[in-house]
Amino acid sequence: MIDTAMILAAGRGERMRPLTDRVPKPLLDVAGRSMLERSLDRLEAHGVTNIVVNVHHLGQQIVERIRGRARIVVEDRLLDTGGSVKNALPLLGAGPFFVLNGDGLWRDGPTESMLSRMEGRWDPERMDALLLLQSLHKMFGRGPNDRGDYFQEPRGHLRHRGTAPLSPYVFASVSICSARLFHDSPEGPFSLLALWHRAEAAGRLCGVLHDGDWFHVGTPEALATAERVLAA
């Protein structure tokens, strides 16, 4: 069982301004509960006991809200997704571990939890990372510039959209990563996408298609959509 996870909660949430001028994006409420606390609830229900959360922008609010539920890494500068996970590796151990965006929001499918489905598909012998995918046309909060992120090849292998005008699947904010993924990775700020590209080239990047709802909460308008759907 994967008992470790990191939630990325340091970003500024620029597209969500002015809401994020006073509240960090992961603490914005959706239908009565913040996105960050919803993720913590899901991880704890799954049996994850070691949860790490990084903070930067308005980080003290997050520290006070989730005190006792996670170990906090305070970043004095933004390290981007890859740099933040690498910085926290001493707390995450040898892996594998879940990595969740702090603004991730989803509903499980009809048979089992999303985290259980991902864990069931994880195969360390042939994967360095496993990404949750959502069909582009089924995501809530799709914007005019959303073109998808990946194609899926046989046996679940992923191929990035690259210069293609459209791809059928979007990365849905949750992954399982091996600590091996970070070997020989850059120092300082860098994106997880750089490591996923490397894993893809080695044939070690795979995906699992989500069978429930997933919300891209990138703007106030998308937040209102998520609020309306979940409240119903």
Protein backbone atom coordinates (compact mmCIF):
# COMPACT_ATOMS: atom_id res chain seq x y z
CA MET A 1 0.00 0.00 0.00
CA ILE A 2 1.24 3.48 -0.84
CA ASP A 3 1.24 5.30 2.48
CA THR A 4 2.97 8.56 1.51
CA ALA A 5 1.76 11.61 -0.42
CA MET A 6 2.73 15.17 -1.19
CA ILE A 7 0.27 17.97 -1.85
CA LEU A 8 1.63 20.92 -3.82
CA ALA A 9 0.15 24.01 -2.20
CA ALA A 10 2.75 26.77 -2.66
CA GLY A 11 1.56 28.48 -5.83
CA ARG A 12 0.11 31.97 -6.07
CA GLY A 13 -3.03 31.09 -8.06
CA GLU A 14 -2.64 34.12 -10.33
CA ARG A 15 -5.62 33.29 -12.56
CA MET A 16 -7.85 33.05 -9.49
CA ARG A 17 -7.20 36.62 -8.42
CA PRO A 18 -8.58 38.63 -6.68
CA LEU A 19 -9.76 35.68 -4.55
CA THR A 20 -6.19 34.51 -3.98
CA ASP A 21 -4.93 37.92 -2.90
CA ARG A 22 -6.20 37.11 0.60
CA VAL A 23 -6.68 33.32 0.64
CA PRO A 24 -4.27 30.71 -0.78
CA LYS A 25 -5.93 28.88 -3.64
CA PRO A 26 -5.96 25.41 -1.96
CA LEU A 27 -8.01 26.89 0.91
CA LEU A 28 -10.76 28.28 -1.31
CA ASP A 29 -14.06 26.67 -0.36
CA VAL A 30 -16.06 24.61 -2.82
CA ALA A 31 -19.49 23.56 -1.60
CA GLY A 32 -18.53 24.15 2.01
CA ARG A 33 -15.04 22.61 2.20
CA SER A 34 -11.67 23.69 0.90
CA MET A 35 -9.97 21.83 -1.94
CA LEU A 36 -6.95 21.09 0.25
CA GLU A 37 -9.01 19.61 3.06
CA ARG A 38 -10.99 17.50 0.62
CA SER A 39 -7.71 16.01 -0.64
CA LEU A 40 -6.50 15.38 2.90
CA ASP A 41 -9.79 13.64 3.69
CA ARG A 42 -9.39 11.34 0.66
CA LEU A 43 -5.76 10.52 1.44
CA GLU A 44 -6.52 9.72 5.07
CA ALA A 45 -9.50 7.56 4.10
CA HIS A 46 -7.19 5.65 1.76
CA GLY A 47 -4.79 4.95 4.61
CA VAL A 48 -2.04 7.42 3.72
CA THR A 49 -0.26 8.21 6.98
CA ASN A 50 2.67 10.33 5.81
CA ILE A 51 1.42 13.51 4.12
CA VAL A 52 3.71 16.39 3.19
CA VAL A 53 2.40 19.81 2.13
CA ASN A 54 4.60 22.59 0.77
CA VAL A 55 3.59 26.22 1.31
CA HIS A 56 4.76 29.66 0.19
CA HIS A 57 2.09 32.18 -0.78
CA LEU A 58 0.02 33.03 2.35
CA GLY A 59 1.44 29.80 3.74
CA GLN A 60 0.72 30.55 7.39
CA GLN A 61 -3.01 30.24 6.68
CA ILE A 62 -2.44 26.69 5.45
CA VAL A 63 -0.20 25.85 8.40
CA GLU A 64 -2.89 26.95 10.84
CA ARG A 65 -5.75 25.21 9.00
CA ILE A 66 -4.18 21.75 8.66
CA ARG A 67 -2.02 21.68 11.76
CA GLY A 68 -1.50 18.09 12.91
CA ARG A 69 -2.68 16.53 9.64
CA ALA A 70 0.50 16.88 7.57
CA ARG A 71 4.15 17.77 7.69
CA ILE A 72 4.74 21.24 6.32
CA VAL A 73 7.64 22.35 4.12
CA VAL A 74 7.91 26.15 4.00
CA GLU A 75 9.56 27.31 0.78
CA ASP A 76 11.27 30.71 0.86
CA ARG A 77 11.01 30.83 -2.94
CA LEU A 78 8.78 29.03 -5.43
CA LEU A 79 10.44 25.82 -6.63
CA ASP A 80 7.82 24.75 -9.20
CA THR A 81 6.34 21.26 -9.05
CA GLY A 82 9.46 19.20 -9.65
CA GLY A 83 11.71 21.30 -7.46
CA SER A 84 9.19 21.19 -4.62
CA VAL A 85 8.92 17.41 -4.66
CA LYS A 86 12.70 17.01 -4.90
CA ASN A 87 13.13 19.39 -1.98
CA ALA A 88 10.75 17.23 0.10
CA LEU A 89 12.29 13.85 -0.80
CA PRO A 90 13.90 13.44 2.66
CA LEU A 91 10.35 13.42 4.09
CA LEU A 92 8.86 11.29 1.32
CA GLY A 93 11.29 8.40 1.53
CA ALA A 94 12.20 5.93 -1.17
CA GLY A 95 8.75 5.97 -2.75
CA PRO A 96 6.46 5.36 -4.41
CA PHE A 97 4.25 8.25 -3.32
CA PHE A 98 1.20 10.15 -4.50
CA VAL A 99 1.67 13.72 -5.71
CA LEU A 100 -1.45 15.92 -5.76
CA ASN A 101 -1.95 19.49 -6.88
CA GLY A 102 -3.28 21.58 -4.02
CA ASP A 103 -6.27 22.64 -6.11
CA GLY A 104 -7.17 19.12 -7.22
CA LEU A 105 -10.88 18.36 -7.06
CA TRP A 106 -12.59 15.16 -8.12
CA ARG A 107 -15.40 12.72 -7.43
CA ASP A 108 -14.73 8.99 -7.36
CA GLY A 109 -16.21 6.64 -9.92
CA PRO A 110 -18.91 4.04 -9.30
CA THR A 111 -16.85 1.10 -8.03
CA GLU A 112 -13.79 2.22 -6.06
CA SER A 113 -11.87 5.30 -5.07
CA MET A 114 -9.61 6.99 -7.59
CA LEU A 115 -6.61 6.53 -5.29
CA SER A 116 -7.30 2.79 -5.05
CA ARG A 117 -7.60 2.51 -8.84
CA MET A 118 -4.29 4.28 -9.31
CA GLU A 119 -2.55 2.18 -6.70
CA GLY A 120 -3.91 -0.98 -8.34
CA ARG A 121 -2.40 0.04 -11.69
CA TRP A 122 0.99 1.05 -10.29
CA ASP A 123 3.77 -1.25 -11.50
CA PRO A 124 7.25 -0.19 -10.35
CA GLU A 125 8.88 -2.71 -12.68
CA ARG A 126 7.77 -0.77 -15.76
CA MET A 127 6.84 2.71 -14.48
CA ASP A 128 8.61 5.73 -13.03
CA ALA A 129 5.38 7.75 -12.97
CA LEU A 130 1.67 7.03 -13.35
CA LEU A 131 -0.60 9.95 -14.21
CA LEU A 132 -4.32 10.31 -13.65
CA LEU A 133 -6.03 11.29 -16.91
CA GLN A 134 -9.45 12.72 -17.66
CA SER A 135 -11.15 12.83 -21.05
CA LEU A 136 -10.88 16.38 -22.33
CA HIS A 137 -14.54 16.57 -23.28
CA LYS A 138 -15.66 15.33 -19.85
CA MET A 139 -13.72 17.71 -17.62
CA PHE A 140 -15.52 20.46 -15.73
CA GLY A 141 -14.00 23.92 -16.11
CA ARG A 142 -12.48 23.43 -19.55
CA GLY A 143 -11.24 26.71 -20.96
CA PRO A 144 -10.89 27.83 -24.58
CA ASN A 145 -7.14 27.15 -24.52
CA ASP A 146 -7.35 23.62 -23.08
CA ARG A 147 -6.21 21.25 -25.84
CA GLY A 148 -5.40 18.14 -23.82
CA ASP A 149 -2.02 16.86 -22.68
CA TYR A 150 -1.55 13.22 -23.71
CA PHE A 151 -2.31 10.39 -26.07
CA GLN A 152 -2.42 6.90 -24.56
CA GLU A 153 -0.59 4.08 -26.28
CA PRO A 154 -0.93 0.30 -25.77
CA ARG A 155 -0.34 -0.97 -22.21
CA GLY A 156 -1.10 2.48 -20.85
CA HIS A 157 2.04 4.25 -22.05
CA LEU A 158 1.66 7.99 -22.56
CA ARG A 159 2.77 10.26 -25.38
CA HIS A 160 2.71 14.01 -24.84
CA ARG A 161 0.62 16.12 -27.23
CA GLY A 162 3.68 18.07 -28.33
CA THR A 163 2.81 20.12 -31.42
CA ALA A 164 -0.44 18.28 -32.16
CA PRO A 165 -3.44 20.65 -32.11
CA LEU A 166 -5.47 18.41 -29.80
CA SER A 167 -5.15 15.29 -27.68
CA PRO A 168 -7.92 13.32 -25.96
CA TYR A 169 -6.71 13.33 -22.36
CA VAL A 170 -5.76 15.98 -19.83
CA PHE A 171 -3.52 15.41 -16.81
CA ALA A 172 -5.92 15.39 -13.88
CA SER A 173 -3.68 16.75 -11.09
CA VAL A 174 -2.74 13.44 -9.38
CA SER A 175 0.22 11.15 -10.02
CA ILE A 176 2.18 8.34 -8.44
CA CYS A 177 5.91 8.89 -8.64
CA SER A 178 8.91 6.76 -7.81
CA ALA A 179 11.83 8.39 -6.05
CA ARG A 180 13.84 6.97 -8.96
CA LEU A 181 12.17 9.58 -11.19
CA PHE A 182 14.25 12.29 -9.50
CA HIS A 183 17.69 10.75 -10.06
CA ASP A 184 19.94 13.26 -11.83
CA SER A 185 17.19 15.89 -11.81
CA PRO A 186 17.97 19.64 -11.85
CA GLU A 187 18.67 21.75 -8.79
CA GLY A 188 16.36 24.62 -7.88
CA PRO A 189 13.02 25.29 -9.58
CA PHE A 190 11.87 22.95 -12.35
CA SER A 191 8.64 21.36 -13.52
CA LEU A 192 7.62 17.75 -13.04
CA LEU A 193 6.81 17.82 -16.74
CA ALA A 194 10.54 17.70 -17.51
CA LEU A 195 10.85 14.42 -15.61
CA TRP A 196 7.71 13.02 -17.20
CA HIS A 197 9.16 13.78 -20.63
CA ARG A 198 12.27 11.84 -19.65
CA ALA A 199 10.21 8.93 -18.36
CA GLU A 200 8.14 8.98 -21.56
CA ALA A 201 11.29 8.73 -23.68
CA ALA A 202 12.34 5.70 -21.63
CA GLY A 203 8.91 4.06 -22.00
CA ARG A 204 8.26 4.40 -18.26
CA LEU A 205 5.41 6.96 -18.19
CA CYS A 206 1.89 5.51 -17.97
CA GLY A 207 -1.61 6.74 -17.29
CA VAL A 208 -4.92 5.61 -15.86
CA LEU A 209 -8.21 7.11 -17.04
CA HIS A 210 -10.41 8.52 -14.29
CA ASP A 211 -13.92 7.04 -14.21
CA GLY A 212 -15.53 9.84 -12.20
CA ASP A 213 -15.84 13.64 -12.35
CA TRP A 214 -12.78 15.89 -12.39
CA PHE A 215 -12.80 19.67 -12.04
CA HIS A 216 -10.22 22.06 -13.46
CA VAL A 217 -10.55 24.88 -10.94
CA GLY A 218 -8.34 27.46 -12.63
CA THR A 219 -10.49 30.60 -12.65
CA PRO A 220 -13.30 32.15 -10.59
CA GLU A 221 -15.72 31.00 -13.31
CA ALA A 222 -14.49 27.40 -13.04
CA LEU A 223 -14.75 27.63 -9.26
CA ALA A 224 -18.38 28.69 -9.60
CA THR A 225 -19.03 25.72 -11.92
CA ALA A 226 -17.51 23.28 -9.40
CA GLU A 227 -19.53 24.86 -6.60
CA ARG A 228 -22.75 24.46 -8.56
CA VAL A 229 -22.10 20.83 -9.54
CA LEU A 230 -20.97 19.67 -6.11
CA ALA A 231 -23.71 21.55 -4.28
CA ALA A 232 -26.28 19.75 -6.44
